[in-house]
Amino acid sequence: MNNDESIIIVLKPYLSIKDVSKMTINFYIPGILLLSFSASTRADTFKEIIKDLNKPYAVTEHKQTGVRCVWTKGENGYLQSENFGNEGTGLCWSKESLDDAQSRDRNGSLKWNHGKSSPKEFFTDLHNACFYGYMGRETGDWGKYLADKYAKTSGKYSGDAESIHKLGLAFDYGKASAKMPHDCYDISKKLFLDQ
């Protein structure tokens, strides 16, 4: 066997450039589909996480992947990730992600979201805001009813301008117009139903 024949025998098991380019194209299409699917599921995962979350949460972004990590505080005050699957155990609990979230929390730059209250809770808060206005006028104790009780109620809706506006209207109605506490039910119902 001469040198030319040995080279041909060695090269035959390997793929030609034409075969490699076909394979490359065949890998690009599923890769693009996989990337677009993962990008669309990322948003759905985030919405799924916060949908039923009934406690304050903060969000950071994993720098390399763009995955949003949802953080809450456990009963001992430590940050814990609410993400599930590979986002929760792999990305969001990585040293880099945890250090970033803890640093932001210590510096006060981690923004805490309180989420939307349930409709029943918001209706109750509307009624209470009106009642605090009524009681402030009746007792003259504005420190208790305005600065303490009403401020705590409206503070739950930080960042929700529409809810705060409605609470303010309820409080003003109680302060100026309510003749008895039952009047607060009527205005609360109107504000709640946007009438």
N, C-alpha and C. Protein backbone atom coordinates (compact mmCIF):
# COMPACT_ATOMS: atom_id res chain seq x y z
N MET A 1 0.85 -1.15 0.00
CA MET A 1 0.00 0.00 0.00
C MET A 1 0.90 1.23 0.00
N ASN A 2 0.60 2.17 -0.89
CA ASN A 2 1.42 3.37 -0.92
C ASN A 2 0.81 4.45 -0.03
N ASN A 3 1.48 5.56 0.08
CA ASN A 3 1.04 6.64 0.98
C ASN A 3 -0.31 7.24 0.58
N ASP A 4 -0.60 7.33 -0.69
CA ASP A 4 -1.88 7.91 -1.13
C ASP A 4 -3.06 7.06 -0.69
N GLU A 5 -2.94 5.75 -0.75
CA GLU A 5 -4.02 4.87 -0.33
C GLU A 5 -4.26 4.93 1.17
N SER A 6 -3.23 5.06 1.96
CA SER A 6 -3.39 5.12 3.41
C SER A 6 -4.09 6.40 3.84
N ILE A 7 -3.83 7.45 3.15
CA ILE A 7 -4.50 8.72 3.47
C ILE A 7 -5.99 8.61 3.18
N ILE A 8 -6.36 7.98 2.09
CA ILE A 8 -7.77 7.83 1.73
C ILE A 8 -8.47 6.94 2.76
N ILE A 9 -7.87 5.90 3.21
CA ILE A 9 -8.46 5.02 4.20
C ILE A 9 -8.67 5.76 5.52
N VAL A 10 -7.73 6.57 5.91
CA VAL A 10 -7.83 7.31 7.15
C VAL A 10 -8.91 8.39 7.04
N LEU A 11 -9.06 9.02 5.93
CA LEU A 11 -10.02 10.10 5.77
C LEU A 11 -11.45 9.62 5.61
N LYS A 12 -11.67 8.43 5.12
CA LYS A 12 -13.03 7.95 4.89
C LYS A 12 -13.90 7.93 6.15
N PRO A 13 -13.39 7.55 7.31
CA PRO A 13 -14.27 7.56 8.49
C PRO A 13 -14.71 8.97 8.89
N TYR A 14 -13.99 9.99 8.49
CA TYR A 14 -14.35 11.35 8.85
C TYR A 14 -15.36 11.91 7.87
N LEU A 15 -16.12 12.91 8.30
CA LEU A 15 -17.13 13.53 7.47
C LEU A 15 -16.52 14.55 6.53
N SER A 16 -17.13 14.71 5.40
CA SER A 16 -16.66 15.73 4.45
C SER A 16 -17.16 17.10 4.91
N ILE A 17 -16.59 18.14 4.35
CA ILE A 17 -17.00 19.51 4.67
C ILE A 17 -18.46 19.72 4.31
N LYS A 18 -18.89 19.12 3.24
CA LYS A 18 -20.29 19.24 2.81
C LYS A 18 -21.22 18.62 3.87
N ASP A 19 -20.84 17.45 4.39
CA ASP A 19 -21.65 16.80 5.43
C ASP A 19 -21.68 17.63 6.71
N VAL A 20 -20.55 18.22 7.08
CA VAL A 20 -20.46 19.04 8.29
C VAL A 20 -21.35 20.27 8.15
N SER A 21 -21.35 20.92 6.99
CA SER A 21 -22.18 22.12 6.82
C SER A 21 -23.66 21.76 6.89
N LYS A 22 -24.07 20.59 6.36
CA LYS A 22 -25.46 20.16 6.48
C LYS A 22 -25.83 19.94 7.95
N MET A 23 -24.92 19.31 8.69
CA MET A 23 -25.19 19.07 10.11
C MET A 23 -25.28 20.37 10.89
N THR A 24 -24.43 21.32 10.56
CA THR A 24 -24.43 22.61 11.25
C THR A 24 -25.77 23.30 11.06
N ILE A 25 -26.28 23.31 9.84
CA ILE A 25 -27.57 23.92 9.57
C ILE A 25 -28.67 23.17 10.32
N ASN A 26 -28.58 21.86 10.35
CA ASN A 26 -29.58 21.06 11.05
C ASN A 26 -29.56 21.33 12.56
N PHE A 27 -28.41 21.70 13.13
CA PHE A 27 -28.34 22.04 14.55
C PHE A 27 -28.79 23.47 14.82
N TYR A 28 -28.62 24.38 13.87
CA TYR A 28 -29.04 25.77 14.07
C TYR A 28 -30.54 25.90 14.25
N ILE A 29 -31.30 25.22 13.43
CA ILE A 29 -32.76 25.35 13.48
C ILE A 29 -33.31 24.90 14.84
N PRO A 30 -32.97 23.71 15.33
CA PRO A 30 -33.48 23.35 16.67
C PRO A 30 -32.92 24.27 17.76
N GLY A 31 -31.70 24.73 17.59
CA GLY A 31 -31.11 25.64 18.57
C GLY A 31 -31.87 26.95 18.66
N ILE A 32 -32.24 27.49 17.51
CA ILE A 32 -33.01 28.74 17.49
C ILE A 32 -34.38 28.51 18.12
N LEU A 33 -35.01 27.40 17.80
CA LEU A 33 -36.31 27.09 18.40
C LEU A 33 -36.20 26.94 19.91
N LEU A 34 -35.14 26.28 20.37
CA LEU A 34 -34.94 26.09 21.80
C LEU A 34 -34.73 27.43 22.50
N LEU A 35 -33.93 28.30 21.92
CA LEU A 35 -33.70 29.62 22.52
C LEU A 35 -34.97 30.44 22.58
N SER A 36 -35.75 30.45 21.52
CA SER A 36 -36.99 31.23 21.53
C SER A 36 -37.97 30.65 22.54
N PHE A 37 -38.02 29.32 22.67
CA PHE A 37 -38.89 28.69 23.66
C PHE A 37 -38.46 29.05 25.07
N SER A 38 -37.15 29.01 25.33
CA SER A 38 -36.68 29.32 26.68
C SER A 38 -36.91 30.78 27.03
N ALA A 39 -36.82 31.67 26.06
CA ALA A 39 -37.08 33.08 26.32
C ALA A 39 -38.55 33.31 26.64
N SER A 40 -39.44 32.60 25.94
CA SER A 40 -40.87 32.78 26.22
C SER A 40 -41.27 32.12 27.53
N THR A 41 -40.65 31.01 27.89
CA THR A 41 -41.01 30.37 29.14
C THR A 41 -40.43 31.11 30.34
N ARG A 42 -39.37 31.88 30.14
CA ARG A 42 -38.80 32.63 31.25
C ARG A 42 -39.81 33.60 31.81
N ALA A 43 -40.50 34.34 30.93
CA ALA A 43 -41.51 35.28 31.39
C ALA A 43 -42.66 34.55 32.06
N ASP A 44 -43.08 33.42 31.48
CA ASP A 44 -44.17 32.66 32.07
C ASP A 44 -43.77 32.11 33.44
N THR A 45 -42.54 31.66 33.61
CA THR A 45 -42.07 31.17 34.89
C THR A 45 -42.12 32.27 35.93
N PHE A 46 -41.68 33.45 35.57
CA PHE A 46 -41.70 34.58 36.50
C PHE A 46 -43.12 34.90 36.94
N LYS A 47 -44.03 34.97 35.97
CA LYS A 47 -45.43 35.27 36.31
C LYS A 47 -46.01 34.17 37.18
N GLU A 48 -45.64 32.94 36.90
CA GLU A 48 -46.14 31.80 37.68
C GLU A 48 -45.65 31.88 39.13
N ILE A 49 -44.43 32.32 39.30
CA ILE A 49 -43.85 32.40 40.65
C ILE A 49 -44.58 33.46 41.47
N ILE A 50 -44.78 34.64 40.91
CA ILE A 50 -45.35 35.74 41.70
C ILE A 50 -46.87 35.72 41.76
N LYS A 51 -47.51 34.90 40.90
CA LYS A 51 -48.97 34.89 40.82
C LYS A 51 -49.62 34.63 42.18
N ASP A 52 -49.19 33.62 42.89
CA ASP A 52 -49.82 33.25 44.16
C ASP A 52 -48.95 33.59 45.37
N LEU A 53 -47.96 34.42 45.17
CA LEU A 53 -47.07 34.78 46.27
C LEU A 53 -47.80 35.74 47.21
N ASN A 54 -47.94 35.37 48.46
CA ASN A 54 -48.71 36.18 49.39
C ASN A 54 -47.82 36.84 50.44
N LYS A 55 -46.60 37.12 50.06
CA LYS A 55 -45.68 37.82 50.96
C LYS A 55 -44.81 38.74 50.13
N PRO A 56 -44.20 39.74 50.76
CA PRO A 56 -43.35 40.67 49.99
C PRO A 56 -42.22 39.93 49.29
N TYR A 57 -41.89 40.40 48.08
CA TYR A 57 -40.82 39.77 47.31
C TYR A 57 -40.01 40.85 46.60
N ALA A 58 -38.78 40.49 46.28
CA ALA A 58 -37.88 41.36 45.53
C ALA A 58 -37.35 40.56 44.35
N VAL A 59 -36.90 41.27 43.32
CA VAL A 59 -36.44 40.60 42.11
C VAL A 59 -35.04 41.09 41.75
N THR A 60 -34.16 40.15 41.45
CA THR A 60 -32.85 40.47 40.88
C THR A 60 -32.74 39.70 39.58
N GLU A 61 -31.74 40.05 38.79
CA GLU A 61 -31.54 39.36 37.52
C GLU A 61 -30.19 38.67 37.52
N HIS A 62 -30.19 37.40 37.17
CA HIS A 62 -28.94 36.65 37.05
C HIS A 62 -28.17 37.25 35.87
N LYS A 63 -26.96 37.72 36.12
CA LYS A 63 -26.23 38.51 35.13
C LYS A 63 -25.91 37.77 33.84
N GLN A 64 -25.59 36.50 33.92
CA GLN A 64 -25.17 35.79 32.72
C GLN A 64 -26.33 35.25 31.89
N THR A 65 -27.45 34.93 32.53
CA THR A 65 -28.55 34.31 31.79
C THR A 65 -29.78 35.20 31.64
N GLY A 66 -29.87 36.24 32.46
CA GLY A 66 -31.04 37.11 32.41
C GLY A 66 -32.24 36.56 33.15
N VAL A 67 -32.10 35.43 33.84
CA VAL A 67 -33.20 34.85 34.60
C VAL A 67 -33.50 35.77 35.79
N ARG A 68 -34.78 36.05 35.99
CA ARG A 68 -35.19 36.88 37.12
C ARG A 68 -35.35 36.00 38.35
N CYS A 69 -34.61 36.33 39.39
CA CYS A 69 -34.66 35.58 40.64
C CYS A 69 -35.60 36.31 41.60
N VAL A 70 -36.57 35.58 42.14
CA VAL A 70 -37.55 36.14 43.06
C VAL A 70 -37.13 35.77 44.47
N TRP A 71 -36.98 36.79 45.32
CA TRP A 71 -36.50 36.58 46.69
C TRP A 71 -37.57 36.97 47.69
N THR A 72 -37.68 36.19 48.76
CA THR A 72 -38.50 36.55 49.90
C THR A 72 -37.63 36.40 51.13
N LYS A 73 -38.15 36.83 52.27
CA LYS A 73 -37.41 36.64 53.51
C LYS A 73 -38.08 35.54 54.31
N GLY A 74 -37.26 34.62 54.79
CA GLY A 74 -37.76 33.53 55.63
C GLY A 74 -38.08 34.04 57.03
N GLU A 75 -38.53 33.16 57.88
CA GLU A 75 -38.93 33.55 59.23
C GLU A 75 -37.76 34.09 60.06
N ASN A 76 -36.53 33.74 59.69
CA ASN A 76 -35.35 34.26 60.41
C ASN A 76 -34.78 35.51 59.76
N GLY A 77 -35.43 36.00 58.70
CA GLY A 77 -34.98 37.23 58.05
C GLY A 77 -33.96 37.02 56.95
N TYR A 78 -33.63 35.78 56.63
CA TYR A 78 -32.67 35.50 55.57
C TYR A 78 -33.38 35.44 54.22
N LEU A 79 -32.68 35.86 53.17
CA LEU A 79 -33.24 35.79 51.82
C LEU A 79 -33.36 34.34 51.37
N GLN A 80 -34.45 34.04 50.68
CA GLN A 80 -34.62 32.72 50.10
C GLN A 80 -35.24 32.88 48.71
N SER A 81 -34.78 32.05 47.80
CA SER A 81 -35.25 32.11 46.42
C SER A 81 -36.58 31.38 46.29
N GLU A 82 -37.50 31.97 45.54
CA GLU A 82 -38.79 31.34 45.28
C GLU A 82 -38.80 30.64 43.92
N ASN A 83 -37.73 30.77 43.16
CA ASN A 83 -37.66 30.12 41.85
C ASN A 83 -37.62 28.61 42.03
N PHE A 84 -38.11 27.92 41.04
CA PHE A 84 -38.12 26.46 41.12
C PHE A 84 -37.35 25.88 39.95
N GLY A 85 -37.11 24.59 40.02
CA GLY A 85 -36.35 23.91 38.98
C GLY A 85 -34.91 24.37 38.95
N ASN A 86 -34.33 24.37 37.74
CA ASN A 86 -32.92 24.74 37.62
C ASN A 86 -32.70 26.22 37.93
N GLU A 87 -33.74 27.05 37.81
CA GLU A 87 -33.58 28.46 38.18
C GLU A 87 -33.37 28.59 39.68
N GLY A 88 -34.13 27.84 40.44
CA GLY A 88 -34.07 27.97 41.90
C GLY A 88 -32.83 27.34 42.50
N THR A 89 -32.56 26.11 42.14
CA THR A 89 -31.44 25.42 42.79
C THR A 89 -30.11 25.74 42.14
N GLY A 90 -30.12 26.10 40.87
CA GLY A 90 -28.84 26.33 40.19
C GLY A 90 -28.48 27.79 40.07
N LEU A 91 -29.31 28.55 39.36
CA LEU A 91 -28.94 29.92 39.04
C LEU A 91 -29.15 30.88 40.20
N CYS A 92 -30.32 30.87 40.78
CA CYS A 92 -30.64 31.87 41.81
C CYS A 92 -29.95 31.59 43.15
N TRP A 93 -29.59 30.34 43.39
CA TRP A 93 -28.86 30.04 44.62
C TRP A 93 -27.35 30.03 44.40
N SER A 94 -26.90 30.42 43.21
CA SER A 94 -25.46 30.49 42.99
C SER A 94 -24.87 31.55 43.90
N LYS A 95 -23.61 31.41 44.22
CA LYS A 95 -22.94 32.36 45.12
C LYS A 95 -23.04 33.78 44.57
N GLU A 96 -22.87 33.92 43.27
CA GLU A 96 -22.94 35.24 42.64
C GLU A 96 -24.32 35.88 42.83
N SER A 97 -25.39 35.13 42.57
CA SER A 97 -26.75 35.66 42.69
C SER A 97 -27.10 35.97 44.14
N LEU A 98 -26.77 35.07 45.04
CA LEU A 98 -27.07 35.27 46.45
C LEU A 98 -26.30 36.45 47.01
N ASP A 99 -25.00 36.56 46.68
CA ASP A 99 -24.19 37.70 47.15
C ASP A 99 -24.76 39.02 46.63
N ASP A 100 -25.18 39.04 45.36
CA ASP A 100 -25.76 40.25 44.77
C ASP A 100 -27.03 40.65 45.51
N ALA A 101 -27.93 39.70 45.74
CA ALA A 101 -29.19 40.00 46.43
C ALA A 101 -28.94 40.44 47.88
N GLN A 102 -28.04 39.77 48.59
CA GLN A 102 -27.75 40.14 49.97
C GLN A 102 -27.12 41.52 50.05
N SER A 103 -26.23 41.83 49.13
CA SER A 103 -25.59 43.15 49.10
C SER A 103 -26.62 44.24 48.86
N ARG A 104 -27.49 44.02 47.89
CA ARG A 104 -28.55 45.01 47.62
C ARG A 104 -29.49 45.17 48.81
N ASP A 105 -29.78 44.07 49.48
CA ASP A 105 -30.67 44.14 50.64
C ASP A 105 -30.02 44.94 51.77
N ARG A 106 -28.75 44.70 52.02
CA ARG A 106 -28.03 45.45 53.07
C ARG A 106 -27.97 46.94 52.75
N ASN A 107 -27.78 47.27 51.47
CA ASN A 107 -27.67 48.67 51.06
C ASN A 107 -29.02 49.35 50.90
N GLY A 108 -30.09 48.60 51.02
CA GLY A 108 -31.43 49.17 50.88
C GLY A 108 -31.85 49.40 49.43
N SER A 109 -31.11 48.85 48.48
CA SER A 109 -31.45 49.06 47.07
C SER A 109 -32.26 47.90 46.47
N LEU A 110 -32.59 46.92 47.27
CA LEU A 110 -33.43 45.81 46.82
C LEU A 110 -34.88 46.25 47.00
N LYS A 111 -35.59 46.41 45.88
CA LYS A 111 -36.96 46.94 45.92
C LYS A 111 -37.94 45.82 46.27
N TRP A 112 -38.67 46.00 47.34
CA TRP A 112 -39.63 45.00 47.80
C TRP A 112 -41.01 45.31 47.26
N ASN A 113 -41.61 44.35 46.61
CA ASN A 113 -42.97 44.46 46.08
C ASN A 113 -43.91 43.74 47.03
N HIS A 114 -45.02 44.36 47.29
CA HIS A 114 -45.97 43.74 48.21
C HIS A 114 -47.09 43.01 47.49
N GLY A 115 -47.10 43.11 46.18
CA GLY A 115 -48.12 42.40 45.41
C GLY A 115 -49.49 43.04 45.58
N LYS A 116 -50.42 42.57 44.83
CA LYS A 116 -51.79 43.07 44.91
C LYS A 116 -52.52 42.37 46.04
N SER A 117 -53.31 43.14 46.75
CA SER A 117 -54.16 42.55 47.78
C SER A 117 -55.33 41.86 47.10
N SER A 118 -55.93 40.96 47.83
CA SER A 118 -57.11 40.28 47.30
C SER A 118 -58.24 41.30 47.21
N PRO A 119 -59.22 41.07 46.34
CA PRO A 119 -60.34 42.00 46.24
C PRO A 119 -61.06 42.20 47.57
N LYS A 120 -61.23 41.13 48.33
CA LYS A 120 -61.90 41.24 49.63
C LYS A 120 -61.10 42.14 50.57
N GLU A 121 -59.79 41.97 50.57
CA GLU A 121 -58.93 42.78 51.44
C GLU A 121 -58.97 44.25 51.01
N PHE A 122 -58.97 44.51 49.70
CA PHE A 122 -59.02 45.90 49.23
C PHE A 122 -60.35 46.55 49.60
N PHE A 123 -61.45 45.82 49.47
CA PHE A 123 -62.75 46.36 49.86
C PHE A 123 -62.74 46.71 51.35
N THR A 124 -62.20 45.83 52.17
CA THR A 124 -62.11 46.09 53.61
C THR A 124 -61.24 47.32 53.89
N ASP A 125 -60.14 47.45 53.15
CA ASP A 125 -59.27 48.62 53.34
C ASP A 125 -59.97 49.91 52.92
N LEU A 126 -60.77 49.86 51.86
CA LEU A 126 -61.56 51.04 51.47
C LEU A 126 -62.51 51.43 52.60
N HIS A 127 -63.21 50.45 53.13
CA HIS A 127 -64.15 50.72 54.23
C HIS A 127 -63.40 51.29 55.44
N ASN A 128 -62.26 50.69 55.77
CA ASN A 128 -61.49 51.17 56.92
C ASN A 128 -60.97 52.58 56.71
N ALA A 129 -60.54 52.90 55.48
CA ALA A 129 -60.05 54.26 55.20
C ALA A 129 -61.16 55.28 55.44
N CYS A 130 -62.35 54.98 54.98
CA CYS A 130 -63.49 55.86 55.22
C CYS A 130 -63.76 55.97 56.72
N PHE A 131 -63.75 54.84 57.39
CA PHE A 131 -64.01 54.82 58.83
C PHE A 131 -62.96 55.64 59.59
N TYR A 132 -61.70 55.56 59.17
CA TYR A 132 -60.65 56.35 59.84
C TYR A 132 -60.90 57.85 59.66
N GLY A 133 -61.35 58.23 58.49
CA GLY A 133 -61.70 59.64 58.27
C GLY A 133 -62.86 60.07 59.15
N TYR A 134 -63.88 59.23 59.24
CA TYR A 134 -65.05 59.50 60.08
C TYR A 134 -64.64 59.61 61.55
N MET A 135 -63.86 58.64 62.03
CA MET A 135 -63.45 58.64 63.44
C MET A 135 -62.49 59.79 63.75
N GLY A 136 -61.65 60.14 62.80
CA GLY A 136 -60.76 61.29 63.01
C GLY A 136 -61.57 62.56 63.22
N ARG A 137 -62.61 62.74 62.42
CA ARG A 137 -63.47 63.93 62.57
C ARG A 137 -64.25 63.87 63.87
N GLU A 138 -64.79 62.71 64.21
CA GLU A 138 -65.62 62.57 65.42
C GLU A 138 -64.81 62.72 66.71
N THR A 139 -63.61 62.17 66.74
CA THR A 139 -62.82 62.19 67.98
C THR A 139 -61.79 63.31 68.01
N GLY A 140 -61.42 63.81 66.84
CA GLY A 140 -60.36 64.84 66.77
C GLY A 140 -58.97 64.24 66.94
N ASP A 141 -58.86 62.94 67.05
CA ASP A 141 -57.57 62.28 67.24
C ASP A 141 -56.96 61.93 65.89
N TRP A 142 -56.47 62.94 65.17
CA TRP A 142 -55.91 62.74 63.83
C TRP A 142 -54.59 61.98 63.89
N GLY A 143 -53.87 62.09 64.99
CA GLY A 143 -52.62 61.33 65.12
C GLY A 143 -52.86 59.84 65.05
N LYS A 144 -53.93 59.40 65.68
CA LYS A 144 -54.24 57.97 65.68
C LYS A 144 -54.85 57.53 64.35
N TYR A 145 -55.83 58.27 63.86
CA TYR A 145 -56.58 57.80 62.70
C TYR A 145 -55.97 58.17 61.35
N LEU A 146 -55.27 59.29 61.28
CA LEU A 146 -54.65 59.68 60.01
C LEU A 146 -53.20 59.20 59.95
N ALA A 147 -52.42 59.62 60.91
CA ALA A 147 -50.99 59.34 60.87
C ALA A 147 -50.67 57.87 61.13
N ASP A 148 -51.49 57.21 61.91
CA ASP A 148 -51.18 55.82 62.24
C ASP A 148 -51.98 54.83 61.39
N LYS A 149 -53.28 54.79 61.58
CA LYS A 149 -54.09 53.76 60.93
C LYS A 149 -54.21 53.95 59.42
N TYR A 150 -54.57 55.15 58.98
CA TYR A 150 -54.73 55.37 57.53
C TYR A 150 -53.38 55.23 56.81
N ALA A 151 -52.32 55.75 57.41
CA ALA A 151 -50.99 55.66 56.78
C ALA A 151 -50.56 54.20 56.61
N LYS A 152 -50.83 53.36 57.59
CA LYS A 152 -50.49 51.93 57.46
C LYS A 152 -51.31 51.26 56.37
N THR A 153 -52.59 51.61 56.30
CA THR A 153 -53.46 51.00 55.29
C THR A 153 -53.02 51.40 53.89
N SER A 154 -52.81 52.69 53.67
CA SER A 154 -52.42 53.14 52.33
C SER A 154 -51.00 52.71 51.98
N GLY A 155 -50.14 52.52 52.98
CA GLY A 155 -48.77 52.07 52.75
C GLY A 155 -48.69 50.68 52.15
N LYS A 156 -49.71 49.87 52.34
CA LYS A 156 -49.73 48.52 51.76
C LYS A 156 -49.81 48.57 50.24
N TYR A 157 -50.23 49.70 49.70
CA TYR A 157 -50.45 49.82 48.26
C TYR A 157 -49.40 50.71 47.59
N SER A 158 -48.24 50.78 48.20
CA SER A 158 -47.15 51.59 47.66
C SER A 158 -46.89 51.22 46.20
N GLY A 159 -46.88 52.21 45.33
CA GLY A 159 -46.63 51.98 43.91
C GLY A 159 -47.89 51.72 43.11
N ASP A 160 -49.04 51.62 43.75
CA ASP A 160 -50.31 51.38 43.06
C ASP A 160 -51.15 52.65 43.17
N ALA A 161 -50.94 53.58 42.23
CA ALA A 161 -51.55 54.90 42.29
C ALA A 161 -53.08 54.84 42.31
N GLU A 162 -53.66 53.94 41.53
CA GLU A 162 -55.12 53.87 41.47
C GLU A 162 -55.71 53.47 42.82
N SER A 163 -55.13 52.47 43.47
CA SER A 163 -55.63 52.04 44.78
C SER A 163 -55.45 53.12 45.83
N ILE A 164 -54.31 53.78 45.81
CA ILE A 164 -54.06 54.85 46.78
C ILE A 164 -55.05 56.00 46.57
N HIS A 165 -55.34 56.33 45.31
CA HIS A 165 -56.31 57.38 45.01
C HIS A 165 -57.69 57.01 45.58
N LYS A 166 -58.11 55.77 45.37
CA LYS A 166 -59.42 55.34 45.88
C LYS A 166 -59.45 55.34 47.41
N LEU A 167 -58.36 54.94 48.04
CA LEU A 167 -58.30 54.99 49.51
C LEU A 167 -58.39 56.42 50.00
N GLY A 168 -57.73 57.33 49.30
CA GLY A 168 -57.80 58.75 49.66
C GLY A 168 -59.21 59.31 49.53
N LEU A 169 -59.91 58.93 48.46
CA LEU A 169 -61.30 59.36 48.29
C LEU A 169 -62.18 58.83 49.41
N ALA A 170 -61.97 57.56 49.78
CA ALA A 170 -62.75 56.97 50.88
C ALA A 170 -62.47 57.70 52.19
N PHE A 171 -61.21 57.99 52.47
CA PHE A 171 -60.85 58.70 53.69
C PHE A 171 -61.48 60.10 53.71
N ASP A 172 -61.37 60.80 52.59
CA ASP A 172 -61.95 62.16 52.50
C ASP A 172 -63.46 62.13 52.67
N TYR A 173 -64.11 61.13 52.11
CA TYR A 173 -65.55 61.01 52.26
C TYR A 173 -65.91 60.81 53.73
N GLY A 174 -65.18 59.92 54.39
CA GLY A 174 -65.44 59.69 55.82
C GLY A 174 -65.20 60.93 56.65
N LYS A 175 -64.16 61.66 56.31
CA LYS A 175 -63.79 62.87 57.05
C LYS A 175 -64.82 63.99 56.85
N ALA A 176 -65.35 64.13 55.63
CA ALA A 176 -66.21 65.27 55.32
C ALA A 176 -67.70 64.95 55.27
N SER A 177 -68.09 63.77 54.85
CA SER A 177 -69.50 63.54 54.52
C SER A 177 -70.20 62.43 55.30
N ALA A 178 -69.48 61.45 55.80
CA ALA A 178 -70.14 60.32 56.47
C ALA A 178 -70.85 60.79 57.72
N LYS A 179 -72.13 60.44 57.83
CA LYS A 179 -72.91 60.83 59.01
C LYS A 179 -72.84 59.75 60.09
N MET A 180 -72.62 58.51 59.66
CA MET A 180 -72.44 57.39 60.58
C MET A 180 -71.53 56.35 59.91
N PRO A 181 -70.97 55.44 60.67
CA PRO A 181 -70.03 54.48 60.10
C PRO A 181 -70.61 53.65 58.95
N HIS A 182 -71.92 53.39 58.96
CA HIS A 182 -72.52 52.59 57.88
C HIS A 182 -72.39 53.28 56.52
N ASP A 183 -72.29 54.61 56.49
CA ASP A 183 -72.12 55.32 55.22
C ASP A 183 -70.83 54.88 54.52
N CYS A 184 -69.88 54.42 55.28
CA CYS A 184 -68.61 53.98 54.69
C CYS A 184 -68.79 52.74 53.82
N TYR A 185 -69.76 51.92 54.13
CA TYR A 185 -70.02 50.73 53.31
C TYR A 185 -70.44 51.16 51.91
N ASP A 186 -71.33 52.13 51.83
CA ASP A 186 -71.85 52.56 50.53
C ASP A 186 -70.76 53.16 49.65
N ILE A 187 -69.93 54.05 50.19
CA ILE A 187 -68.89 54.67 49.38
C ILE A 187 -67.82 53.64 49.01
N SER A 188 -67.53 52.72 49.91
CA SER A 188 -66.54 51.68 49.63
C SER A 188 -67.00 50.81 48.47
N LYS A 189 -68.28 50.46 48.48
CA LYS A 189 -68.84 49.64 47.40
C LYS A 189 -68.76 50.39 46.07
N LYS A 190 -69.10 51.69 46.06
CA LYS A 190 -69.04 52.48 44.83
C LYS A 190 -67.60 52.58 44.31
N LEU A 191 -66.67 52.85 45.19
CA LEU A 191 -65.27 52.96 44.77
C LEU A 191 -64.72 51.60 44.30
N PHE A 192 -65.10 50.56 44.98
CA PHE A 192 -64.63 49.23 44.62
C PHE A 192 -65.14 48.81 43.24
N LEU A 193 -66.39 49.16 42.95
CA LEU A 193 -67.00 48.79 41.66
C LEU A 193 -66.77 49.85 40.59
N ASP A 194 -66.01 50.89 40.89
CA ASP A 194 -65.72 52.01 39.97
C ASP A 194 -66.99 52.70 39.49
N GLN A 195 -67.91 52.96 40.40
CA GLN A 195 -69.15 53.65 40.02
C GLN A 195 -69.08 55.11 40.38
